[in-house]
Amino acid sequence: MTQAHAVLVPVGEDLFAVSIDRVSQVVAAPSLTRLVTAPSHVLGLFNLRGQIVPLLDTAALLGLPAGQPPMFAVVLQSRQGLVALAATAFPCRASLGDPVGPSDLPGTAGTYRVKESIVVRLDPDLLLARDRPLRAGENSVSVLPPVGAIEPVGAITRSGSAG
């Protein structure tokens, strides 16, 4: 049995795992700036020690229904630079054993059992790939908007209202 260390990212009632070596840090309730022209899965941008980081709607990237607002941002190192995935509860560390099955969700790499839960492992490179296949209802394959094409509309406070 192979053990892989991961960070578990809660998204509603589901748990997703990201390899711990891809996770930079976890940020609680970052103050977001919404983007008018960004794809719907880009929740906004936040400042992390001088770096602008996009917060992506994890559920939307996976083709899952919208749910609870994000409480945490799991900051990842990606090919495009820093990017954050929205988590609806506090992410935690876990060890993944051998996979127990495949996953049909886009950008994933199998399912695992962690204690009493089934966890889907995310492959950030596949999940964030610009040329990933479209899902029903999507009209663009671009995960992250080009920097020159974004227009901030105001900061979002913890209550979710624009500032």
Protein backbone atom coordinates (compact mmCIF):
# COMPACT_ATOMS: atom_id res chain seq x y z
CA MET A 1 0.00 0.00 0.00
CA THR A 2 1.39 3.35 -1.07
CA GLN A 3 0.77 6.37 1.18
CA ALA A 4 0.41 9.82 -0.38
CA HIS A 5 0.04 12.91 1.79
CA ALA A 6 -2.75 15.27 0.79
CA VAL A 7 -4.81 18.23 1.89
CA LEU A 8 -8.54 17.48 2.00
CA VAL A 9 -10.62 20.29 0.48
CA PRO A 10 -14.26 20.27 1.64
CA VAL A 11 -16.73 21.38 -1.05
CA GLY A 12 -20.23 21.17 0.36
CA GLU A 13 -20.74 17.58 1.53
CA ASP A 14 -17.89 16.26 -0.65
CA LEU A 15 -14.17 15.94 0.05
CA PHE A 16 -11.44 16.40 -2.54
CA ALA A 17 -7.74 15.73 -2.05
CA VAL A 18 -4.82 17.74 -3.41
CA SER A 19 -1.27 16.44 -3.11
CA ILE A 20 0.35 18.26 -0.20
CA ASP A 21 3.40 19.18 -2.29
CA ARG A 22 1.14 21.34 -4.53
CA VAL A 23 -0.40 23.30 -1.63
CA SER A 24 1.29 26.56 -0.70
CA GLN A 25 -1.02 27.51 2.16
CA VAL A 26 -4.61 27.86 3.35
CA VAL A 27 -6.15 31.32 3.73
CA ALA A 28 -9.26 31.92 5.85
CA ALA A 29 -11.99 34.08 4.28
CA PRO A 30 -9.82 36.15 1.92
CA SER A 31 -11.14 39.59 0.99
CA LEU A 32 -12.10 39.22 -2.67
CA THR A 33 -12.31 41.66 -5.54
CA ARG A 34 -14.95 40.48 -8.03
CA LEU A 35 -14.25 40.57 -11.76
CA VAL A 36 -16.96 41.64 -14.18
CA THR A 37 -15.51 39.93 -17.25
CA ALA A 38 -14.17 36.77 -15.61
CA PRO A 39 -15.68 33.34 -16.24
CA SER A 40 -18.31 32.36 -13.67
CA HIS A 41 -15.97 29.91 -11.93
CA VAL A 42 -13.57 32.76 -11.00
CA LEU A 43 -14.98 34.02 -7.70
CA GLY A 44 -12.55 36.93 -7.52
CA LEU A 45 -8.99 37.93 -6.76
CA PHE A 46 -7.23 38.40 -3.43
CA ASN A 47 -3.88 39.80 -2.37
CA LEU A 48 -1.48 37.34 -0.77
CA ARG A 49 1.64 39.18 0.43
CA GLY A 50 1.75 41.31 -2.72
CA GLN A 51 0.76 38.57 -5.16
CA ILE A 52 -2.67 38.64 -6.81
CA VAL A 53 -4.28 35.19 -6.56
CA PRO A 54 -7.49 34.13 -8.34
CA LEU A 55 -9.98 32.18 -6.21
CA LEU A 56 -11.72 29.53 -8.29
CA ASP A 57 -15.07 27.92 -7.52
CA THR A 58 -14.02 24.31 -6.98
CA ALA A 59 -17.57 23.00 -7.41
CA ALA A 60 -17.99 24.81 -10.74
CA LEU A 61 -14.65 23.50 -12.05
CA LEU A 62 -15.81 19.98 -11.26
CA GLY A 63 -19.26 20.44 -12.79
CA LEU A 64 -21.00 20.20 -9.40
CA PRO A 65 -23.97 22.33 -8.35
CA ALA A 66 -23.29 25.59 -6.54
CA GLY A 67 -23.48 25.31 -2.81
CA GLN A 68 -22.20 27.09 0.25
CA PRO A 69 -20.00 30.19 -0.02
CA PRO A 70 -16.27 29.55 0.41
CA MET A 71 -14.84 29.94 3.90
CA PHE A 72 -11.23 29.11 2.97
CA ALA A 73 -8.92 29.33 -0.02
CA VAL A 74 -6.44 26.51 -0.67
CA VAL A 75 -3.55 28.19 -2.47
CA LEU A 76 -1.83 25.96 -5.02
CA GLN A 77 1.27 26.26 -7.13
CA SER A 78 0.14 25.78 -10.74
CA ARG A 79 1.65 26.13 -14.19
CA GLN A 80 -0.05 29.55 -14.38
CA GLY A 81 1.36 30.62 -10.98
CA LEU A 82 -0.51 30.79 -7.69
CA VAL A 83 -4.19 29.91 -7.83
CA ALA A 84 -6.65 29.11 -5.04
CA LEU A 85 -9.47 26.60 -4.82
CA ALA A 86 -12.54 27.49 -2.76
CA ALA A 87 -13.25 25.31 0.29
CA THR A 88 -16.50 25.45 2.26
CA ALA A 89 -14.94 24.26 5.54
CA PHE A 90 -11.47 24.00 7.06
CA PRO A 91 -9.11 21.89 4.91
CA CYS A 92 -7.10 19.25 6.76
CA ARG A 93 -4.21 16.87 6.12
CA ALA A 94 -4.70 13.19 5.38
CA SER A 95 -2.86 10.17 4.06
CA LEU A 96 -4.25 8.50 0.97
CA GLY A 97 -3.72 4.79 0.44
CA ASP A 98 -4.33 2.96 -2.79
CA PRO A 99 -7.23 4.15 -4.96
CA VAL A 100 -10.55 2.36 -4.50
CA GLY A 101 -11.90 3.36 -7.90
CA PRO A 102 -11.93 5.86 -10.76
CA SER A 103 -13.64 9.24 -10.86
CA ASP A 104 -15.71 10.58 -13.75
CA LEU A 105 -15.30 14.21 -12.70
CA PRO A 106 -13.07 16.40 -14.90
CA GLY A 107 -9.61 17.10 -13.50
CA THR A 108 -9.60 14.18 -11.07
CA ALA A 109 -7.39 11.15 -10.56
CA GLY A 110 -9.39 8.49 -8.75
CA THR A 111 -11.27 7.93 -5.50
CA TYR A 112 -9.81 6.99 -2.13
CA ARG A 113 -11.11 5.96 1.27
CA VAL A 114 -10.09 8.18 4.18
CA LYS A 115 -11.54 6.83 7.42
CA GLU A 116 -15.31 6.64 6.73
CA SER A 117 -15.30 9.03 3.76
CA ILE A 118 -14.79 8.62 0.04
CA VAL A 119 -12.39 11.29 -1.25
CA VAL A 120 -11.81 12.27 -4.88
CA ARG A 121 -8.22 13.16 -5.71
CA LEU A 122 -7.77 16.30 -7.81
CA ASP A 123 -5.11 16.63 -10.47
CA PRO A 124 -4.49 20.40 -10.49
CA ASP A 125 -2.77 20.31 -13.90
CA LEU A 126 -5.82 18.63 -15.48
CA LEU A 127 -8.34 20.68 -13.50
CA LEU A 128 -6.73 23.98 -14.52
CA ALA A 129 -5.70 23.02 -18.06
CA ARG A 130 -6.71 25.60 -20.65
CA ASP A 131 -7.50 22.85 -23.17
CA ARG A 132 -9.62 20.65 -20.92
CA PRO A 133 -12.86 19.33 -22.43
CA LEU A 134 -15.95 21.50 -22.12
CA ARG A 135 -18.83 20.43 -19.89
CA ALA A 136 -22.48 21.05 -20.69
CA GLY A 137 -23.25 24.75 -20.37
CA GLU A 138 -19.64 25.96 -20.68
CA ASN A 139 -18.79 28.29 -23.52
CA SER A 140 -15.05 28.67 -22.93
CA VAL A 141 -12.14 26.42 -22.10
CA SER A 142 -10.15 29.19 -20.41
CA VAL A 143 -9.93 28.51 -16.68
CA LEU A 144 -8.13 31.75 -15.80
CA PRO A 145 -8.94 35.03 -17.55
CA PRO A 146 -6.17 36.97 -19.28
CA VAL A 147 -4.91 39.63 -16.86
CA GLY A 148 -5.65 42.54 -19.23
CA ALA A 149 -9.27 41.41 -19.65
CA ILE A 150 -10.41 41.82 -16.06
CA GLU A 151 -12.22 44.73 -14.48
CA PRO A 152 -12.55 44.82 -10.68
CA VAL A 153 -15.96 45.87 -9.36
CA GLY A 154 -15.23 46.13 -5.65
CA ALA A 155 -14.17 44.09 -2.68
CA ILE A 156 -16.41 41.42 -1.21
CA THR A 157 -16.66 41.45 2.55
CA ARG A 158 -17.09 38.38 4.74
CA SER A 159 -20.85 38.82 4.49
CA GLY A 160 -20.58 38.53 0.70
CA SER A 161 -21.66 42.07 -0.18
CA ALA A 162 -19.63 44.26 -2.51
CA GLY A 163 -17.67 47.07 -0.92
